[in-house]
Protein backbone atom coordinates (compact mmCIF):
# COMPACT_ATOMS: atom_id res chain seq x y z
CA MET A 1 -61.36 -6.40 10.67
CA SER A 2 -61.00 -8.96 13.38
CA THR A 3 -63.27 -9.48 16.31
CA SER A 4 -61.93 -10.28 19.70
CA SER A 5 -63.28 -12.06 22.70
CA GLY A 6 -60.32 -10.90 24.81
CA PRO A 7 -60.33 -8.37 27.64
CA LEU A 8 -61.48 -4.82 26.92
CA ASN A 9 -58.40 -3.38 28.63
CA PRO A 10 -55.60 -5.94 28.28
CA ASP A 11 -52.59 -5.40 30.55
CA TYR A 12 -50.22 -5.66 27.57
CA LEU A 13 -51.66 -2.64 25.70
CA VAL A 14 -51.33 1.10 26.32
CA ARG A 15 -52.96 3.37 23.75
CA THR A 16 -50.84 6.51 24.09
CA ALA A 17 -53.03 8.41 21.61
CA ASP A 18 -55.98 7.98 24.00
CA LEU A 19 -54.19 9.19 27.14
CA PRO A 20 -55.62 12.29 28.82
CA PRO A 21 -53.12 15.14 29.39
CA ASP A 22 -52.85 14.41 33.14
CA ALA A 23 -51.93 10.73 32.54
CA LEU A 24 -48.25 11.63 32.14
CA PRO A 25 -46.66 12.54 35.47
CA HIS A 26 -44.55 15.71 35.51
CA ARG A 27 -40.92 14.63 36.06
CA ILE A 28 -38.69 17.36 37.49
CA HIS A 29 -35.04 16.39 37.38
CA PRO A 30 -33.56 15.75 40.85
CA VAL A 31 -30.15 17.26 40.00
CA VAL A 32 -31.22 20.43 38.12
CA SER A 33 -34.86 21.27 38.84
CA THR A 34 -35.32 23.53 35.79
CA ASN A 35 -35.03 20.44 33.55
CA HIS A 36 -38.32 18.58 33.22
CA ARG A 37 -40.62 16.50 31.05
CA TYR A 38 -43.91 14.62 31.22
CA GLN A 39 -43.32 10.89 31.25
CA LEU A 40 -45.32 7.67 31.55
CA SER A 41 -43.60 4.31 32.08
CA LEU A 42 -45.07 2.05 29.42
CA GLY A 43 -42.85 -0.78 30.66
CA ASP A 44 -44.30 -0.59 34.17
CA LYS A 45 -47.85 -0.30 32.80
CA THR A 46 -47.41 -3.53 30.83
CA GLY A 47 -45.42 -5.38 33.51
CA LEU A 48 -41.99 -5.40 31.82
CA THR A 49 -39.17 -6.15 34.26
CA LYS A 50 -36.00 -6.36 32.13
CA THR A 51 -36.41 -3.36 29.84
CA ALA A 52 -37.59 0.19 30.42
CA VAL A 53 -39.81 2.05 27.94
CA HIS A 54 -41.28 5.50 28.59
CA PHE A 55 -43.57 7.76 26.57
CA CYS A 56 -42.41 11.39 26.95
CA ARG A 57 -43.66 14.85 26.13
CA LEU A 58 -41.16 17.69 26.34
CA PRO A 59 -42.78 21.16 26.45
CA ALA A 60 -41.68 23.80 23.95
CA GLY A 61 -38.38 25.37 25.02
CA ALA A 62 -37.74 22.83 27.80
CA THR A 63 -34.65 20.68 28.39
CA SER A 64 -35.51 17.04 29.10
CA THR A 65 -32.89 16.16 31.69
CA THR A 66 -29.57 17.24 33.09
CA LEU A 67 -26.72 16.46 30.68
CA HIS A 68 -25.76 12.89 31.67
CA TRP A 69 -24.52 9.43 30.73
CA HIS A 70 -25.06 5.99 32.30
CA MET A 71 -22.36 3.67 33.56
CA HIS A 72 -24.44 0.44 33.55
CA ASP A 73 -27.71 0.99 31.63
CA ASP A 74 -27.95 1.23 27.85
CA GLU A 75 -30.30 4.05 26.85
CA TRP A 76 -32.15 4.73 23.59
CA PHE A 77 -34.57 7.30 22.18
CA TYR A 78 -37.01 7.30 19.27
CA VAL A 79 -38.30 10.73 18.21
CA LEU A 80 -42.00 10.72 17.32
CA GLU A 81 -42.62 14.48 16.98
CA ALA A 82 -40.22 17.43 16.97
CA GLY A 83 -40.03 20.91 15.52
CA SER A 84 -37.31 21.89 13.08
CA ASP A 85 -35.32 23.52 15.90
CA ALA A 86 -35.32 20.58 18.37
CA VAL A 87 -31.82 19.47 19.34
CA LEU A 88 -29.85 16.81 21.12
CA LEU A 89 -27.23 18.30 23.42
CA VAL A 90 -24.05 16.17 23.47
CA TRP A 91 -20.79 16.42 25.39
CA GLU A 92 -18.15 13.72 25.28
CA GLY A 93 -15.94 13.24 28.29
CA ASP A 94 -16.24 12.95 32.03
CA SER A 95 -15.90 15.56 34.73
CA THR A 96 -12.55 14.00 35.65
CA SER A 97 -11.22 15.11 32.23
CA LEU A 98 -12.05 18.79 32.88
CA LYS A 99 -9.31 21.25 33.77
CA ALA A 100 -9.87 23.51 36.79
CA GLY A 101 -12.49 26.13 35.94
CA GLU A 102 -13.33 24.56 32.57
CA ALA A 103 -17.05 24.46 31.74
CA VAL A 104 -19.01 21.68 30.07
CA VAL A 105 -20.25 23.13 26.77
CA PRO A 106 -22.30 20.64 24.75
CA ARG A 107 -22.65 20.74 21.00
CA GLU A 108 -26.14 20.80 19.46
CA GLU A 109 -27.27 18.22 16.92
CA GLY A 110 -30.61 18.66 15.18
CA VAL A 111 -33.18 15.88 15.63
CA LYS A 112 -36.35 15.15 13.69
CA PRO A 113 -39.24 12.67 13.73
CA GLY A 114 -38.09 9.14 12.96
CA ASP A 115 -34.61 9.58 14.47
CA PHE A 116 -33.32 6.77 16.69
CA LEU A 117 -30.50 7.48 19.13
CA GLY A 118 -28.63 4.85 21.16
CA PHE A 119 -26.23 5.40 24.04
CA LYS A 120 -24.18 2.41 25.12
CA ALA A 121 -23.56 1.97 28.85
CA GLY A 122 -20.16 3.07 30.11
CA ILE A 123 -19.39 5.49 27.27
CA PRO A 124 -18.96 9.05 28.64
CA ARG A 125 -21.20 10.76 26.08
CA ALA A 126 -23.47 13.07 28.08
CA HIS A 127 -26.77 13.91 26.41
CA ALA A 128 -30.16 15.64 26.80
CA PHE A 129 -32.91 16.93 24.50
CA ARG A 130 -33.99 20.54 24.13
CA ALA A 131 -37.32 21.16 22.45
CA GLY A 132 -37.50 24.15 20.19
CA ALA A 133 -40.57 26.29 19.65
CA LYS A 134 -42.78 23.16 19.45
CA GLU A 135 -43.45 20.34 21.91
CA MET A 136 -41.28 17.25 21.38
CA VAL A 137 -42.70 13.71 21.75
CA TYR A 138 -40.46 10.66 22.00
CA LEU A 139 -39.94 7.19 23.42
CA ILE A 140 -37.06 6.52 25.78
CA GLY A 141 -35.93 3.13 26.92
CA GLY A 142 -33.07 0.94 27.90
CA SER A 143 -31.88 -1.84 30.11
CA ARG A 144 -32.96 -2.15 33.73
CA GLU A 145 -29.85 -3.19 35.59
CA GLU A 146 -30.10 -3.80 39.33
CA LEU A 147 -27.90 -0.77 39.96
CA ASP A 148 -26.88 2.13 37.70
CA ILE A 149 -24.74 5.21 38.09
CA SER A 150 -25.65 8.32 36.10
CA ARG A 151 -22.86 10.87 35.69
CA TYR A 152 -23.65 14.60 35.40
CA PRO A 153 -20.36 16.19 34.24
CA ALA A 154 -21.56 19.81 34.18
CA GLU A 155 -22.79 19.50 37.76
CA GLY A 156 -19.89 17.43 39.09
CA LYS A 157 -22.38 14.91 40.47
CA SER A 158 -23.30 11.25 40.18
CA ARG A 159 -26.59 9.56 40.96
CA ILE A 160 -26.81 5.94 42.01
CA THR A 161 -30.17 4.33 41.32
CA GLY A 162 -31.49 0.86 41.94
CA ARG A 163 -34.88 -0.75 42.11
CA ASP A 164 -35.52 0.57 45.62
CA VAL A 165 -32.72 3.08 46.26
CA GLU A 166 -31.49 6.43 44.99
CA TRP A 167 -28.52 8.58 46.04
CA THR A 168 -27.07 11.77 44.56
CA LEU A 169 -23.38 12.35 45.28
CA GLU A 170 -20.89 15.17 44.72
CA ASP A 171 -18.02 14.05 42.45
CA LYS A 172 -15.25 15.58 44.49
CA LEU A 173 -12.77 14.24 46.93
CA VAL A 174 -13.59 15.48 50.40
CA SER A 175 -10.77 13.80 52.30
CA ILE A 176 -8.50 10.80 52.39
CA SER A 177 -7.43 9.26 55.63
CA GLU A 178 -4.86 6.54 55.84
CA LYS A 179 -5.87 3.59 57.97
CA ARG A 180 -3.17 2.78 60.49
CA PRO A 181 -2.97 -0.02 62.96
CA TYR A 182 -4.00 0.90 66.48
CA GLN A 183 -1.02 2.14 68.48
CA LYS A 184 -0.72 2.71 72.26
């Protein structure tokens, strides 16, 4: 056992096992509000600026996020706790590859404690977790690019996020107008 003369609460340490239940903010997804999780940014708490790391709790039966993929940020997950019926929802493709009226139907892949999942930026592999009958606990992280675009193929939307900005856009062509020189 070592003794320490360092600070009692160093800024580089977060003891997730000691967190009270209300320490994790409730994150309701901005695209589909029925998707939600409880999440604490460990990266922000420890002052990280180039990588994101979050501690997440997904209530029993909940879906973590809207099925999505990132154009610029790598994203990874490490499953700490999960019931035998917890799944990763996966759909490969982009909304531009859908035929008119075709629905996005993800496949389900079972996940268990100790699983690591990595999603490379720019690969249209939409994903989300769904907890089964038991709460799911996991780490999520990735790169922190200056600007990222998240694609939501089932919703036909994209979300642009940056350090200080956030926009949600419909992925449909509203109109095209040809620019012509001014004529009298």
